[in-house]
N, C-alpha and C. Protein backbone atom coordinates (compact mmCIF):
# COMPACT_ATOMS: atom_id res chain seq x y z
N MET A 1 0.83 -1.15 0.02
CA MET A 1 0.34 -0.14 -0.05
C MET A 1 0.93 1.35 0.07
N ARG A 2 1.93 1.27 0.99
CA ARG A 2 2.85 2.50 1.03
C ARG A 2 3.51 2.62 -0.56
N GLN A 3 3.83 1.64 -1.30
CA GLN A 3 4.54 1.60 -2.50
C GLN A 3 3.71 2.48 -3.31
N GLU A 4 2.38 1.84 -3.45
CA GLU A 4 1.37 2.39 -4.46
C GLU A 4 1.13 3.85 -4.05
N VAL A 5 1.06 4.21 -2.74
CA VAL A 5 1.03 5.74 -2.53
C VAL A 5 2.41 6.69 -2.98
N LEU A 6 3.40 6.02 -2.73
CA LEU A 6 4.69 6.68 -3.32
C LEU A 6 4.85 6.78 -4.86
N ASP A 7 4.29 5.58 -5.53
CA ASP A 7 4.06 5.58 -6.77
C ASP A 7 3.27 6.58 -7.37
N SER A 8 2.00 6.70 -6.82
CA SER A 8 1.19 7.71 -7.21
C SER A 8 1.51 9.20 -6.81
N TYR A 9 2.20 9.18 -5.79
CA TYR A 9 2.83 10.60 -5.45
C TYR A 9 3.87 10.96 -6.65
N ALA A 10 4.73 10.03 -6.87
CA ALA A 10 5.77 10.29 -8.01
C ALA A 10 5.13 10.58 -9.23
N ALA A 11 4.03 9.91 -9.61
CA ALA A 11 3.44 10.15 -10.96
C ALA A 11 2.87 11.75 -11.03
N VAL A 12 2.25 12.08 -9.81
CA VAL A 12 1.63 13.24 -9.72
C VAL A 12 2.76 14.43 -9.78
N ARG A 13 3.86 14.31 -9.23
CA ARG A 13 4.80 15.27 -9.54
C ARG A 13 5.51 15.05 -10.66
N TYR A 14 5.58 14.21 -11.37
CA TYR A 14 6.09 13.98 -12.81
C TYR A 14 5.11 14.96 -13.62
N ASN A 15 3.70 14.45 -13.42
CA ASN A 15 2.75 15.35 -14.49
C ASN A 15 2.70 16.80 -14.03
N LEU A 16 2.81 17.19 -12.86
CA LEU A 16 2.83 18.46 -12.57
C LEU A 16 4.25 19.23 -13.45
N GLY A 17 5.34 18.62 -13.07
CA GLY A 17 6.54 19.05 -13.32
C GLY A 17 6.31 19.13 -15.15
N THR A 18 5.89 18.23 -15.80
CA THR A 18 5.89 18.45 -17.33
C THR A 18 4.68 19.36 -17.55
N GLU A 19 3.61 19.30 -17.09
CA GLU A 19 2.69 20.42 -17.30
C GLU A 19 3.09 22.00 -16.97
N CYS A 20 4.07 21.97 -16.07
CA CYS A 20 4.72 23.15 -15.57
C CYS A 20 5.76 23.77 -16.92
N ARG A 21 6.55 22.60 -17.30
CA ARG A 21 7.55 22.89 -18.41
C ARG A 21 6.82 23.23 -19.71
N GLU A 22 5.82 22.27 -20.21
CA GLU A 22 4.83 22.83 -21.17
C GLU A 22 4.41 24.12 -21.24
N ALA A 23 3.89 24.51 -20.07
CA ALA A 23 3.40 25.73 -20.03
C ALA A 23 4.29 26.84 -20.15
N ALA A 24 5.54 26.46 -19.54
CA ALA A 24 6.58 27.61 -19.49
C ALA A 24 7.16 27.64 -21.04
N ASN A 25 7.22 26.63 -21.81
CA ASN A 25 7.77 26.30 -23.04
C ASN A 25 6.77 27.05 -24.02
N SER A 26 5.43 27.10 -23.66
CA SER A 26 4.41 27.34 -24.68
C SER A 26 4.47 28.95 -24.26
N ARG A 27 4.78 29.52 -23.34
CA ARG A 27 4.84 31.01 -22.94
C ARG A 27 5.93 31.48 -23.49
N THR A 28 7.20 30.81 -23.60
CA THR A 28 8.43 31.32 -24.18
C THR A 28 8.31 31.59 -25.59
N ASN A 29 7.73 30.38 -26.49
CA ASN A 29 7.42 30.29 -27.80
C ASN A 29 6.59 31.40 -28.54
N LYS A 30 5.82 31.91 -27.44
CA LYS A 30 4.48 32.52 -28.06
C LYS A 30 5.26 34.28 -28.54
N ASP A 31 4.94 34.82 -29.57
CA ASP A 31 5.50 36.22 -29.69
C ASP A 31 4.98 37.08 -28.62
N HIS A 32 3.45 37.21 -28.54
CA HIS A 32 2.87 37.74 -27.79
C HIS A 32 1.54 37.14 -27.01
N ILE A 33 1.75 37.23 -25.67
CA ILE A 33 0.80 36.32 -24.91
C ILE A 33 -0.39 37.50 -24.49
N MET A 34 -1.57 37.11 -24.76
CA MET A 34 -2.66 38.10 -24.14
C MET A 34 -2.75 37.80 -22.80
N VAL A 35 -2.79 38.83 -21.89
CA VAL A 35 -2.86 38.62 -20.35
C VAL A 35 -4.40 39.06 -20.07
N ARG A 36 -4.93 38.53 -19.28
CA ARG A 36 -6.39 38.91 -18.88
C ARG A 36 -6.08 39.68 -17.30
N ILE A 37 -6.44 41.07 -17.63
CA ILE A 37 -6.49 41.84 -16.44
C ILE A 37 -7.47 41.88 -15.44
N ILE A 38 -7.19 41.82 -14.15
CA ILE A 38 -8.37 41.65 -13.20
C ILE A 38 -7.83 43.02 -12.35
N LYS A 39 -8.84 43.77 -12.18
CA LYS A 39 -8.66 44.62 -11.09
C LYS A 39 -9.20 44.59 -9.65
N ARG A 40 -8.44 44.40 -8.71
CA ARG A 40 -8.92 44.20 -7.39
C ARG A 40 -9.33 45.50 -6.66
N TYR A 41 -10.56 45.74 -6.02
CA TYR A 41 -10.88 46.91 -5.50
C TYR A 41 -10.68 46.88 -3.85
N GLU A 42 -10.85 47.88 -3.55
CA GLU A 42 -10.70 47.99 -1.97
C GLU A 42 -11.75 46.94 -1.23
N SER A 43 -12.92 46.81 -1.66
CA SER A 43 -14.04 46.17 -1.39
C SER A 43 -13.60 44.78 -1.61
N ARG A 44 -12.50 44.24 -2.07
CA ARG A 44 -12.04 43.03 -2.52
C ARG A 44 -12.83 42.36 -3.54
N LYS A 45 -13.92 43.26 -4.49
CA LYS A 45 -14.16 42.58 -5.46
C LYS A 45 -13.37 42.63 -6.88
N LEU A 46 -13.26 41.74 -7.42
CA LEU A 46 -12.28 41.48 -8.60
C LEU A 46 -13.16 41.65 -9.85
N TYR A 47 -12.49 42.75 -10.78
CA TYR A 47 -13.10 43.03 -11.86
C TYR A 47 -12.26 42.53 -13.07
N ASP A 48 -13.05 41.77 -13.88
CA ASP A 48 -12.29 41.21 -15.20
C ASP A 48 -12.75 42.63 -16.31
N THR A 49 -11.63 42.95 -16.55
CA THR A 49 -11.38 44.24 -17.74
C THR A 49 -11.90 43.60 -18.98
N GLU A 50 -11.51 42.30 -19.38
CA GLU A 50 -11.96 41.94 -20.62
C GLU A 50 -13.53 41.49 -20.87
N GLU A 51 -14.10 41.12 -20.01
CA GLU A 51 -15.40 40.79 -19.92
C GLU A 51 -16.30 41.84 -19.20
N SER A 52 -15.53 42.64 -18.63
CA SER A 52 -16.39 43.96 -18.06
C SER A 52 -17.59 43.47 -17.34
N ARG A 53 -17.09 42.73 -16.23
CA ARG A 53 -17.73 42.15 -15.02
C ARG A 53 -17.02 41.62 -13.85
N TYR A 54 -17.80 41.41 -12.80
CA TYR A 54 -17.04 41.20 -11.47
C TYR A 54 -16.90 39.68 -11.77
N VAL A 55 -16.01 39.01 -11.18
CA VAL A 55 -15.39 37.74 -11.19
C VAL A 55 -15.32 37.20 -9.60
N SER A 56 -15.22 35.94 -9.50
CA SER A 56 -14.87 35.22 -8.28
C SER A 56 -13.39 34.64 -8.36
N LEU A 57 -12.80 34.15 -7.33
CA LEU A 57 -11.36 33.73 -7.36
C LEU A 57 -11.86 32.33 -7.97
N VAL A 58 -12.79 31.45 -7.84
CA VAL A 58 -12.93 30.28 -8.59
C VAL A 58 -12.96 30.36 -10.07
N GLU A 59 -13.47 31.72 -10.50
CA GLU A 59 -13.58 31.93 -11.93
C GLU A 59 -12.06 32.19 -12.64
N ILE A 60 -11.32 33.01 -11.46
CA ILE A 60 -10.04 33.30 -12.03
C ILE A 60 -9.29 31.91 -12.02
N ALA A 61 -9.52 31.07 -11.26
CA ALA A 61 -8.79 29.62 -11.09
C ALA A 61 -8.99 28.73 -12.32
N GLY A 62 -10.22 28.95 -12.92
CA GLY A 62 -10.79 28.67 -14.31
C GLY A 62 -9.90 29.24 -15.25
N PHE A 63 -9.79 30.48 -15.42
CA PHE A 63 -9.07 31.14 -16.36
C PHE A 63 -7.77 30.38 -16.41
N VAL A 64 -6.91 30.30 -15.35
CA VAL A 64 -5.58 29.90 -15.31
C VAL A 64 -5.67 28.42 -15.69
N ARG A 65 -6.46 27.62 -15.27
CA ARG A 65 -6.49 26.16 -15.64
C ARG A 65 -6.90 25.95 -17.45
N ALA A 66 -7.77 27.04 -17.94
CA ALA A 66 -7.73 26.96 -19.26
C ALA A 66 -6.56 27.41 -20.00
N GLY A 67 -5.35 27.93 -19.27
CA GLY A 67 -4.28 28.38 -19.78
C GLY A 67 -4.11 29.88 -20.28
N GLN A 68 -4.79 30.72 -19.64
CA GLN A 68 -4.74 32.14 -19.58
C GLN A 68 -3.69 32.46 -18.60
N GLN A 69 -3.33 33.82 -19.27
CA GLN A 69 -2.18 34.22 -18.28
C GLN A 69 -3.17 35.45 -17.37
N VAL A 70 -3.01 35.48 -16.21
CA VAL A 70 -3.80 36.31 -15.41
C VAL A 70 -2.96 37.25 -14.69
N ARG A 71 -3.38 38.65 -14.91
CA ARG A 71 -2.63 39.70 -13.91
C ARG A 71 -3.83 40.27 -13.18
N VAL A 72 -3.42 40.28 -11.91
CA VAL A 72 -4.40 41.17 -10.80
C VAL A 72 -3.53 42.34 -10.38
N ILE A 73 -4.39 43.43 -10.69
CA ILE A 73 -3.86 44.70 -10.18
C ILE A 73 -4.59 45.45 -9.10
N ASP A 74 -3.86 45.64 -8.23
CA ASP A 74 -4.68 46.42 -7.23
C ASP A 74 -5.16 47.85 -7.43
N ASN A 75 -6.43 48.24 -7.45
CA ASN A 75 -6.73 49.51 -8.15
C ASN A 75 -6.52 50.67 -7.59
N ALA A 76 -6.34 50.71 -6.28
CA ALA A 76 -5.97 52.04 -5.69
C ALA A 76 -4.36 52.23 -5.63
N SER A 77 -3.59 51.35 -5.52
CA SER A 77 -1.98 51.23 -5.58
C SER A 77 -1.58 51.03 -6.92
N GLN A 78 -2.20 50.34 -7.85
CA GLN A 78 -1.70 49.76 -9.10
C GLN A 78 -0.52 48.86 -8.85
N ALA A 79 -0.42 48.25 -7.50
CA ALA A 79 0.55 47.08 -7.57
C ALA A 79 0.09 45.75 -7.97
N ASP A 80 1.10 45.07 -8.44
CA ASP A 80 0.64 43.68 -9.07
C ASP A 80 0.51 42.76 -7.78
N VAL A 81 -0.78 42.24 -7.57
CA VAL A 81 -1.15 41.28 -6.71
C VAL A 81 -1.63 40.06 -7.03
N THR A 82 -0.73 39.75 -8.23
CA THR A 82 -1.12 38.42 -8.91
C THR A 82 -0.73 36.93 -8.05
N GLN A 83 0.39 37.49 -7.56
CA GLN A 83 0.98 36.02 -6.60
C GLN A 83 0.10 35.88 -5.39
N GLN A 84 -0.42 36.97 -4.84
CA GLN A 84 -1.01 36.89 -3.60
C GLN A 84 -2.66 36.13 -3.88
N MET A 85 -3.23 36.83 -5.02
CA MET A 85 -4.41 35.89 -5.43
C MET A 85 -4.36 34.57 -5.95
N LEU A 86 -3.27 34.08 -6.72
CA LEU A 86 -3.13 32.80 -7.02
C LEU A 86 -2.90 32.11 -5.76
N THR A 87 -1.92 32.63 -4.91
CA THR A 87 -1.65 31.86 -3.40
C THR A 87 -3.20 31.61 -2.79
N GLN A 88 -4.12 32.64 -2.80
CA GLN A 88 -5.30 32.61 -2.25
C GLN A 88 -6.13 31.59 -2.82
N ILE A 89 -6.17 31.46 -4.28
CA ILE A 89 -6.89 30.33 -4.88
C ILE A 89 -6.57 29.09 -4.18
N ILE A 90 -4.99 28.87 -4.19
CA ILE A 90 -4.56 27.61 -3.88
C ILE A 90 -4.94 27.35 -2.33
N LEU A 91 -4.96 28.24 -1.43
CA LEU A 91 -5.14 28.04 -0.12
C LEU A 91 -6.69 27.84 -0.01
N ASP A 92 -7.53 28.58 -0.74
CA ASP A 92 -9.00 28.36 -0.52
C ASP A 92 -9.46 26.85 -1.18
N GLU A 93 -8.86 26.37 -2.19
CA GLU A 93 -9.16 24.84 -2.80
C GLU A 93 -8.52 24.03 -1.63
N GLY A 94 -7.21 24.43 -0.96
CA GLY A 94 -7.25 23.31 0.11
C GLY A 94 -7.97 23.19 1.37
N ARG A 95 -8.60 24.47 1.84
CA ARG A 95 -9.65 24.53 2.65
C ARG A 95 -11.01 23.78 2.30
N ASN A 96 -10.85 23.92 1.06
CA ASN A 96 -12.49 23.22 0.73
C ASN A 96 -12.19 21.80 0.25
N GLY A 97 -10.77 21.13 0.21
CA GLY A 97 -10.70 19.98 0.19
C GLY A 97 -10.36 19.23 -1.38
N ARG A 98 -10.41 20.33 -2.33
CA ARG A 98 -10.41 20.39 -3.37
C ARG A 98 -9.09 20.18 -3.90
N SER A 99 -8.04 20.61 -3.42
CA SER A 99 -6.68 20.92 -3.78
C SER A 99 -6.09 19.61 -3.97
N PRO A 100 -5.56 19.44 -5.33
CA PRO A 100 -4.76 18.23 -5.69
C PRO A 100 -3.30 18.28 -5.39
N ILE A 101 -2.94 19.22 -4.74
CA ILE A 101 -1.38 19.39 -4.20
C ILE A 101 -1.25 18.66 -2.83
N SER A 102 -0.62 17.65 -3.10
CA SER A 102 -0.12 16.96 -1.67
C SER A 102 0.73 17.71 -0.48
N THR A 103 0.58 17.34 0.43
CA THR A 103 1.34 18.39 1.78
C THR A 103 2.99 17.86 1.41
N GLU A 104 3.30 16.85 0.78
CA GLU A 104 4.84 16.89 0.45
C GLU A 104 5.20 17.69 -0.40
N PHE A 105 4.44 18.10 -1.67
CA PHE A 105 4.68 19.01 -2.44
C PHE A 105 4.92 20.40 -2.07
N LEU A 106 3.82 20.82 -1.02
CA LEU A 106 3.71 22.06 -0.52
C LEU A 106 5.07 22.17 0.29
N HIS A 107 5.48 21.33 1.17
CA HIS A 107 6.66 21.17 1.85
C HIS A 107 7.79 21.43 1.00
N ASP A 108 7.89 20.61 -0.14
CA ASP A 108 9.05 20.97 -1.46
C ASP A 108 8.95 22.29 -1.99
N LEU A 109 7.61 22.76 -1.78
CA LEU A 109 7.72 24.07 -2.47
C LEU A 109 8.12 25.23 -1.49
N VAL A 110 7.92 24.95 -0.42
CA VAL A 110 8.32 25.92 0.72
C VAL A 110 10.04 25.90 0.68
N ARG A 111 10.36 24.69 0.73
CA ARG A 111 11.87 24.39 0.55
C ARG A 111 12.79 24.98 -0.61
N ALA A 112 12.02 24.86 -1.67
CA ALA A 112 12.34 25.38 -2.77
C ALA A 112 12.28 26.79 -3.14
N GLY A 113 11.49 27.63 -2.33
CA GLY A 113 11.40 28.84 -2.22
C GLY A 113 12.72 29.75 -2.35
N GLU A 114 13.82 29.49 -1.55
CA GLU A 114 15.06 30.20 -1.54
C GLU A 114 15.75 29.90 -2.86
N ARG A 115 15.76 28.59 -3.23
CA ARG A 115 16.36 28.14 -4.34
C ARG A 115 15.64 28.85 -5.59
N ALA A 116 14.41 28.79 -5.72
CA ALA A 116 13.62 29.47 -6.84
C ALA A 116 14.01 30.74 -7.12
N PHE A 117 14.11 31.69 -5.83
CA PHE A 117 14.55 33.09 -5.85
C PHE A 117 16.05 33.20 -6.39
N SER A 118 16.77 32.26 -5.91
CA SER A 118 18.21 32.53 -6.57
C SER A 118 18.33 32.18 -7.68
N SER A 119 17.41 30.80 -8.24
CA SER A 119 17.52 30.69 -9.61
C SER A 119 16.94 31.49 -10.73
N GLY A 120 15.91 32.45 -10.02
CA GLY A 120 15.37 33.75 -10.61
C GLY A 120 16.38 34.86 -10.98
N VAL A 121 17.31 34.94 -10.13
CA VAL A 121 18.15 35.87 -10.12
C VAL A 121 19.17 35.45 -11.13
N GLN A 122 19.59 34.34 -11.06
CA GLN A 122 20.42 33.90 -12.11
C GLN A 122 19.78 33.91 -13.46
N GLN A 123 18.54 33.60 -13.49
CA GLN A 123 17.96 33.80 -14.84
C GLN A 123 18.06 35.14 -15.76
N VAL A 124 17.87 35.97 -14.48
CA VAL A 124 17.61 37.34 -14.99
C VAL A 124 19.15 37.90 -15.30
N GLN A 125 20.27 37.52 -14.48
CA GLN A 125 21.74 37.82 -14.78
C GLN A 125 22.05 37.13 -16.34
N GLN A 126 21.56 35.90 -16.53
CA GLN A 126 22.12 35.34 -17.70
C GLN A 126 21.19 35.98 -18.99
N GLY A 127 19.97 36.68 -18.68
CA GLY A 127 19.05 37.23 -19.80
C GLY A 127 19.86 38.40 -20.01
N VAL A 128 20.33 39.26 -18.93
CA VAL A 128 21.09 40.51 -19.24
C VAL A 128 22.45 40.29 -20.00
N ASP A 129 22.96 39.08 -19.56
CA ASP A 129 24.14 38.86 -20.38
C ASP A 129 24.24 38.73 -21.68
N ARG A 130 23.04 37.94 -22.05
CA ARG A 130 22.75 37.35 -23.80
C ARG A 130 22.13 38.76 -24.43
N LEU A 131 21.49 39.43 -23.60
CA LEU A 131 21.32 40.92 -24.04
C LEU A 131 22.46 41.82 -24.52
N LEU A 132 23.27 41.66 -23.33
CA LEU A 132 24.56 42.62 -23.78
C LEU A 132 25.40 41.91 -25.03
N GLU A 133 25.49 40.58 -25.04
CA GLU A 133 26.20 40.04 -26.05
C GLU A 133 25.62 40.40 -27.28
N ALA A 134 24.21 40.30 -27.42
CA ALA A 134 23.53 40.48 -28.78
C ALA A 134 23.59 42.01 -29.19
N SER A 135 23.98 43.06 -28.13
CA SER A 135 24.04 44.19 -28.43
C SER A 135 25.54 44.40 -29.20
N VAL A 136 26.24 43.82 -28.12
CA VAL A 136 27.63 43.92 -28.92
C VAL A 136 27.94 43.40 -30.32
N GLU A 137 27.23 42.34 -30.65
CA GLU A 137 27.36 41.60 -31.90
C GLU A 137 26.63 42.69 -33.08
N ARG A 138 25.71 43.35 -32.59
CA ARG A 138 25.22 44.18 -33.41
C ARG A 138 25.79 45.44 -33.91
N ILE A 139 26.60 45.89 -32.63
CA ILE A 139 27.60 47.14 -32.88
C ILE A 139 28.58 46.68 -33.71
N GLY A 140 29.23 45.76 -33.75
CA GLY A 140 30.47 45.02 -34.44
C GLY A 140 30.23 45.60 -36.10
N PRO A 141 29.23 45.16 -36.57
CA PRO A 141 28.99 45.44 -38.11
C PRO A 141 28.85 46.83 -38.18
N ILE A 142 28.17 47.66 -37.28
CA ILE A 142 27.90 49.14 -37.67
C ILE A 142 29.28 49.93 -37.44
N ARG A 143 30.16 49.52 -36.55
CA ARG A 143 31.36 50.02 -36.45
C ARG A 143 32.28 49.67 -37.64
N ARG A 144 32.18 48.54 -38.04
CA ARG A 144 33.07 48.49 -39.56
C ARG A 144 32.36 49.06 -40.53
N ALA A 145 31.05 49.14 -40.84
CA ALA A 145 30.45 50.04 -41.78
C ALA A 145 30.84 51.24 -41.67
N ARG A 146 31.03 51.86 -40.45
CA ARG A 146 31.49 53.15 -40.28
C ARG A 146 32.87 53.46 -40.81
N GLU A 147 33.60 52.73 -40.47
CA GLU A 147 35.10 52.87 -40.75
C GLU A 147 35.01 52.65 -42.54
N GLU A 148 34.33 51.74 -43.06
CA GLU A 148 34.48 51.54 -44.36
C GLU A 148 33.96 52.91 -45.09
N MET A 149 32.89 53.54 -44.31
CA MET A 149 32.27 54.84 -45.11
C MET A 149 33.45 55.90 -44.71
N THR A 150 34.06 55.81 -43.70
CA THR A 150 35.09 56.96 -43.66
C THR A 150 36.22 56.63 -44.71
N HIS A 151 36.44 55.65 -44.79
CA HIS A 151 37.60 55.11 -45.94
C HIS A 151 37.14 55.59 -47.31
N LEU A 152 35.77 55.23 -47.79
CA LEU A 152 35.19 55.71 -48.90
C LEU A 152 35.09 56.85 -49.11
N ARG A 153 34.86 57.76 -48.02
CA ARG A 153 34.85 59.29 -48.05
C ARG A 153 36.05 59.93 -48.35
N SER A 154 37.08 59.25 -47.82
CA SER A 154 38.38 59.54 -48.17
C SER A 154 38.92 59.31 -49.40
N ARG A 155 38.46 58.27 -50.15
CA ARG A 155 38.78 57.74 -51.20
C ARG A 155 37.83 58.49 -52.24
N LEU A 156 36.57 59.02 -52.00
CA LEU A 156 36.08 59.78 -52.89
C LEU A 156 36.54 61.19 -52.94
N GLU A 157 37.06 61.73 -51.79
CA GLU A 157 37.66 63.23 -52.05
C GLU A 157 38.94 63.18 -52.80
N ASP A 158 39.80 62.01 -52.69
CA ASP A 158 40.87 61.94 -53.36
C ASP A 158 40.43 61.92 -55.11
N LEU A 159 39.56 61.03 -55.18
CA LEU A 159 38.73 61.11 -56.66
C LEU A 159 38.41 62.21 -57.38
N GLU A 160 37.78 63.01 -56.43
CA GLU A 160 37.28 64.22 -56.68
C GLU A 160 38.32 65.16 -56.89
N LEU A 161 39.40 65.29 -56.27
CA LEU A 161 40.40 66.18 -56.39
C LEU A 161 41.23 65.70 -57.74
N SER A 162 41.32 64.30 -58.12
CA SER A 162 42.14 64.13 -59.01
C SER A 162 41.00 64.37 -60.34
N LEU A 163 39.90 64.21 -60.32
CA LEU A 163 39.04 64.66 -61.37
C LEU A 163 39.07 66.11 -61.67
N SER A 164 38.97 66.96 -60.60
CA SER A 164 39.13 68.35 -60.90
C SER A 164 40.35 68.66 -61.42
N ASP A 165 41.66 68.00 -61.19
CA ASP A 165 43.04 68.35 -61.51
C ASP A 165 42.81 67.91 -63.05
N LEU A 166 42.30 66.89 -63.65
CA LEU A 166 42.14 66.54 -64.48
C LEU A 166 41.56 67.40 -65.32
N GLU A 167 40.27 67.86 -64.95
CA GLU A 167 39.52 69.01 -65.60
C GLU A 167 40.22 70.26 -65.74
N ALA A 168 41.28 70.73 -64.88
CA ALA A 168 41.92 71.76 -65.11
C ALA A 168 43.19 71.74 -65.80
N GLY A 169 43.49 70.50 -66.09
CA GLY A 169 44.68 70.15 -67.09
C GLY A 169 45.77 69.84 -66.24
N GLN A 170 45.79 69.67 -65.12
CA GLN A 170 47.04 69.65 -64.24
C GLN A 170 46.99 68.23 -63.64
N GLU A 171 48.09 67.82 -62.91
CA GLU A 171 48.04 66.73 -62.23
C GLU A 171 48.16 66.76 -60.75
N SER A 172 47.49 66.42 -59.88
CA SER A 172 47.80 66.73 -58.58
C SER A 172 49.01 66.02 -57.83
N PRO A 173 49.58 66.70 -57.03
CA PRO A 173 50.93 65.74 -56.30
C PRO A 173 50.60 64.30 -55.99
N GLU A 174 49.65 63.92 -55.41
CA GLU A 174 49.00 62.66 -55.12
C GLU A 174 49.17 62.01 -56.32
N THR A 175 48.50 62.06 -57.49
CA THR A 175 48.50 61.59 -58.90
C THR A 175 49.83 61.42 -59.08
N LYS A 176 50.72 62.50 -59.36
CA LYS A 176 51.93 62.37 -59.66
C LYS A 176 52.95 61.24 -58.83
N ALA A 177 52.72 61.29 -57.79
CA ALA A 177 53.46 60.33 -56.46
C ALA A 177 52.92 58.86 -56.97
N LYS A 178 51.75 58.77 -57.14
CA LYS A 178 51.15 57.44 -57.70
C LYS A 178 51.82 57.00 -58.72
N ASN A 179 51.76 57.81 -60.00
CA ASN A 179 52.20 57.47 -61.58
C ASN A 179 53.63 57.28 -61.29
N SER A 180 54.55 57.73 -60.43
CA SER A 180 55.83 57.63 -60.54
C SER A 180 56.38 56.04 -59.86
């Protein structure tokens, strides 16, 4: 019996991990993700700006389960309170006995909190490094093009000088030096 519970737990963790990875991949693969904006008022009412109506936490949970990105904004302070709302949804479902999240998974989540923060900082640092590298790579060809343009301007000035000398019937000192 214990082994069956452990196997079941392992399967749930695997499925949750797979679903999370798939959701993350689908978010990074899309060019533009439509985010459903929910406003939270001081009366704690939640207003869906897309459908222009008040919604409940249960409905927001449904939006998330359907794959939509949700962003909850406090109307008074304009602060993003999405994390608090999603945590509240998990808490309410746990109270009602509907939460598919095991106690062990919640323990792992709390333990991983610090690692997740560190990992998030590392991801931001890596993103900045990639952006900097891409910027430098874009600047290189521009620098070479400017150098080439400067060289071509100089060459054009020499040619214009030579042309004006030829038109005047005389040879420039540079042309004499090149011909000798």
